[in-house]
Amino acid sequence: MKLIDDFFTVADCRVDDSGSLYTMNVNAAHPIFSVHFPGNPITPGVCIVQLIKELWEQQSRTQAFLKRINNVKFLAVINPLETPTVRVKLSIPQSVDGGHKISATLDCGDRQFAKLTVTFTDRQ
C-alpha cells in the first residue's frame, strides 16, 4: 500500500547539494488513525520508514527494497491533529554494499520526530 498521496501528501520539495527537503502533510482522517490510537492519533513508526522508502523511489525513479535499517530513533510522536505538517530531509545517498545508504530526519521547526539511516537496493 502506497502512503504518498493518501496517508501523506507532498506539499513542497527542494533539492540542493546536501539532499532533498520535503514538506509533507499528514492526513489526520486516514483510517490508520482510527486504530492507532482512537482519540490520540499517533503516526506509526513503520509508516515513517515506508515514507522514506517511497520518497527515495520517487527521487531515484526506481523501485526500492529495504535492505537494512542501520539506525532509527523515534524522538517524539507525530500527532496529525497537533502537527499536520512535517519536514523530511533526505541526505545525498552513499553507495555501500551494492545499495544506497540514506540518512533522513523528520521535524517541524525545532521539534525533531525521528532520525533514520537506511540502506536500499534496487528491486529486481
Protein backbone atom coordinates (compact mmCIF):
# COMPACT_ATOMS: atom_id res chain seq x y z
CA MET A 1 0.00 0.00 0.00
CA LYS A 2 1.44 3.34 -1.05
CA LEU A 3 1.28 6.07 1.56
CA ILE A 4 2.16 9.09 -0.57
CA ASP A 5 -0.97 10.83 -1.86
CA ASP A 6 -3.06 9.03 0.78
CA PHE A 7 -1.50 8.96 4.26
CA PHE A 8 1.00 11.72 3.38
CA THR A 9 0.96 14.31 0.61
CA VAL A 10 3.96 16.25 -0.68
CA ALA A 11 3.35 19.99 -0.31
CA ASP A 12 6.83 21.06 -1.39
CA CYS A 13 10.21 19.62 -2.38
CA ARG A 14 13.55 21.42 -2.57
CA VAL A 15 16.80 19.84 -3.71
CA ASP A 16 20.26 21.24 -3.02
CA ASP A 17 23.83 19.98 -2.65
CA SER A 18 23.11 18.37 0.74
CA GLY A 19 20.00 16.44 -0.30
CA SER A 20 16.25 16.87 -0.53
CA LEU A 21 13.87 18.69 1.80
CA TYR A 22 10.20 17.73 1.61
CA THR A 23 7.29 19.41 3.30
CA MET A 24 4.67 16.75 3.94
CA ASN A 25 1.05 16.99 5.07
CA VAL A 26 -0.25 14.16 7.26
CA ASN A 27 -3.83 13.02 6.56
CA ALA A 28 -5.44 13.00 10.02
CA ALA A 29 -8.56 11.40 8.51
CA HIS A 30 -6.65 8.32 7.29
CA PRO A 31 -8.15 5.02 8.59
CA ILE A 32 -4.86 4.04 10.29
CA PHE A 33 -5.51 6.71 12.92
CA SER A 34 -8.86 5.16 13.86
CA VAL A 35 -6.94 2.27 15.42
CA HIS A 36 -3.55 3.89 16.18
CA PHE A 37 -4.92 5.34 18.53
CA PRO A 38 -8.58 6.46 18.75
CA GLY A 39 -8.79 9.94 20.24
CA ASN A 40 -4.99 10.26 20.32
CA PRO A 41 -3.71 9.59 16.78
CA ILE A 42 -0.03 8.71 16.54
CA THR A 43 1.83 8.11 13.28
CA PRO A 44 3.18 4.53 13.35
CA GLY A 45 6.95 4.16 13.04
CA VAL A 46 6.54 1.69 10.19
CA CYS A 47 4.70 4.40 8.22
CA ILE A 48 7.68 6.72 8.70
CA VAL A 49 10.06 4.07 7.34
CA GLN A 50 7.70 3.41 4.40
CA LEU A 51 7.50 7.16 3.69
CA ILE A 52 11.31 7.35 3.45
CA LYS A 53 11.26 4.39 1.04
CA GLU A 54 8.60 6.00 -1.16
CA LEU A 55 10.39 9.35 -1.25
CA TRP A 56 13.60 7.57 -2.25
CA GLU A 57 11.72 5.70 -5.01
CA GLN A 58 10.35 8.97 -6.38
CA GLN A 59 13.76 10.63 -6.21
CA SER A 60 15.72 7.73 -7.72
CA ARG A 61 12.98 6.69 -10.19
CA THR A 62 13.47 3.06 -9.15
CA GLN A 63 11.59 0.51 -7.13
CA ALA A 64 13.49 0.04 -3.90
CA PHE A 65 13.93 -2.82 -1.46
CA LEU A 66 14.73 -2.01 2.16
CA LYS A 67 17.97 -3.89 2.71
CA ARG A 68 18.87 -2.63 6.18
CA ILE A 69 17.78 -0.24 8.87
CA ASN A 70 21.18 0.89 10.07
CA ASN A 71 19.84 3.15 12.80
CA VAL A 72 16.46 4.51 13.80
CA LYS A 73 15.50 6.84 16.65
CA PHE A 74 11.91 7.88 17.22
CA LEU A 75 12.27 11.01 19.33
CA ALA A 76 8.69 12.33 19.54
CA VAL A 77 5.29 11.23 18.31
CA ILE A 78 3.68 12.78 15.25
CA ASN A 79 0.08 13.51 16.15
CA PRO A 80 -1.56 14.79 12.93
CA LEU A 81 -4.08 16.85 14.90
CA GLU A 82 -1.27 18.77 16.62
CA THR A 83 1.30 18.66 13.81
CA PRO A 84 -0.37 18.27 10.42
CA THR A 85 2.79 19.27 8.51
CA VAL A 86 6.27 17.80 8.89
CA ARG A 87 9.56 18.29 7.07
CA VAL A 88 11.51 15.30 5.79
CA LYS A 89 15.19 15.73 4.94
CA LEU A 90 16.92 13.04 2.86
CA SER A 91 20.69 13.12 2.54
CA ILE A 92 22.61 12.56 -0.68
CA PRO A 93 22.84 8.75 -0.87
CA GLN A 94 26.14 6.97 -0.32
CA SER A 95 26.90 3.85 -2.34
CA VAL A 96 27.50 0.91 0.01
CA ASP A 97 27.33 -2.88 -0.42
CA GLY A 98 25.54 -2.60 -3.77
CA GLY A 99 22.93 -0.28 -2.28
CA HIS A 100 22.18 3.31 -1.35
CA LYS A 101 22.64 4.44 2.25
CA ILE A 102 20.43 7.40 3.15
CA SER A 103 20.08 9.45 6.31
CA ALA A 104 16.69 11.01 7.00
CA THR A 105 15.23 13.31 9.61
CA LEU A 106 11.63 14.30 10.30
CA ASP A 107 10.94 17.56 12.12
CA CYS A 108 8.69 20.55 12.48
CA GLY A 109 10.76 23.61 13.22
CA ASP A 110 12.82 22.94 16.34
CA ARG A 111 10.95 19.72 17.21
CA GLN A 112 12.58 16.58 15.86
CA PHE A 113 10.43 13.47 15.48
CA ALA A 114 12.77 10.84 14.02
CA LYS A 115 16.28 10.20 12.71
CA LEU A 116 16.97 7.22 10.47
CA THR A 117 19.77 5.76 8.44
CA VAL A 118 18.64 3.09 6.00
CA THR A 119 20.06 1.19 3.05
CA PHE A 120 18.02 0.45 -0.07
CA THR A 121 18.80 -1.71 -3.06
CA ASP A 122 17.08 -1.57 -6.42
CA ARG A 123 14.30 -4.15 -6.62
CA GLN A 124 14.95 -6.65 -9.38
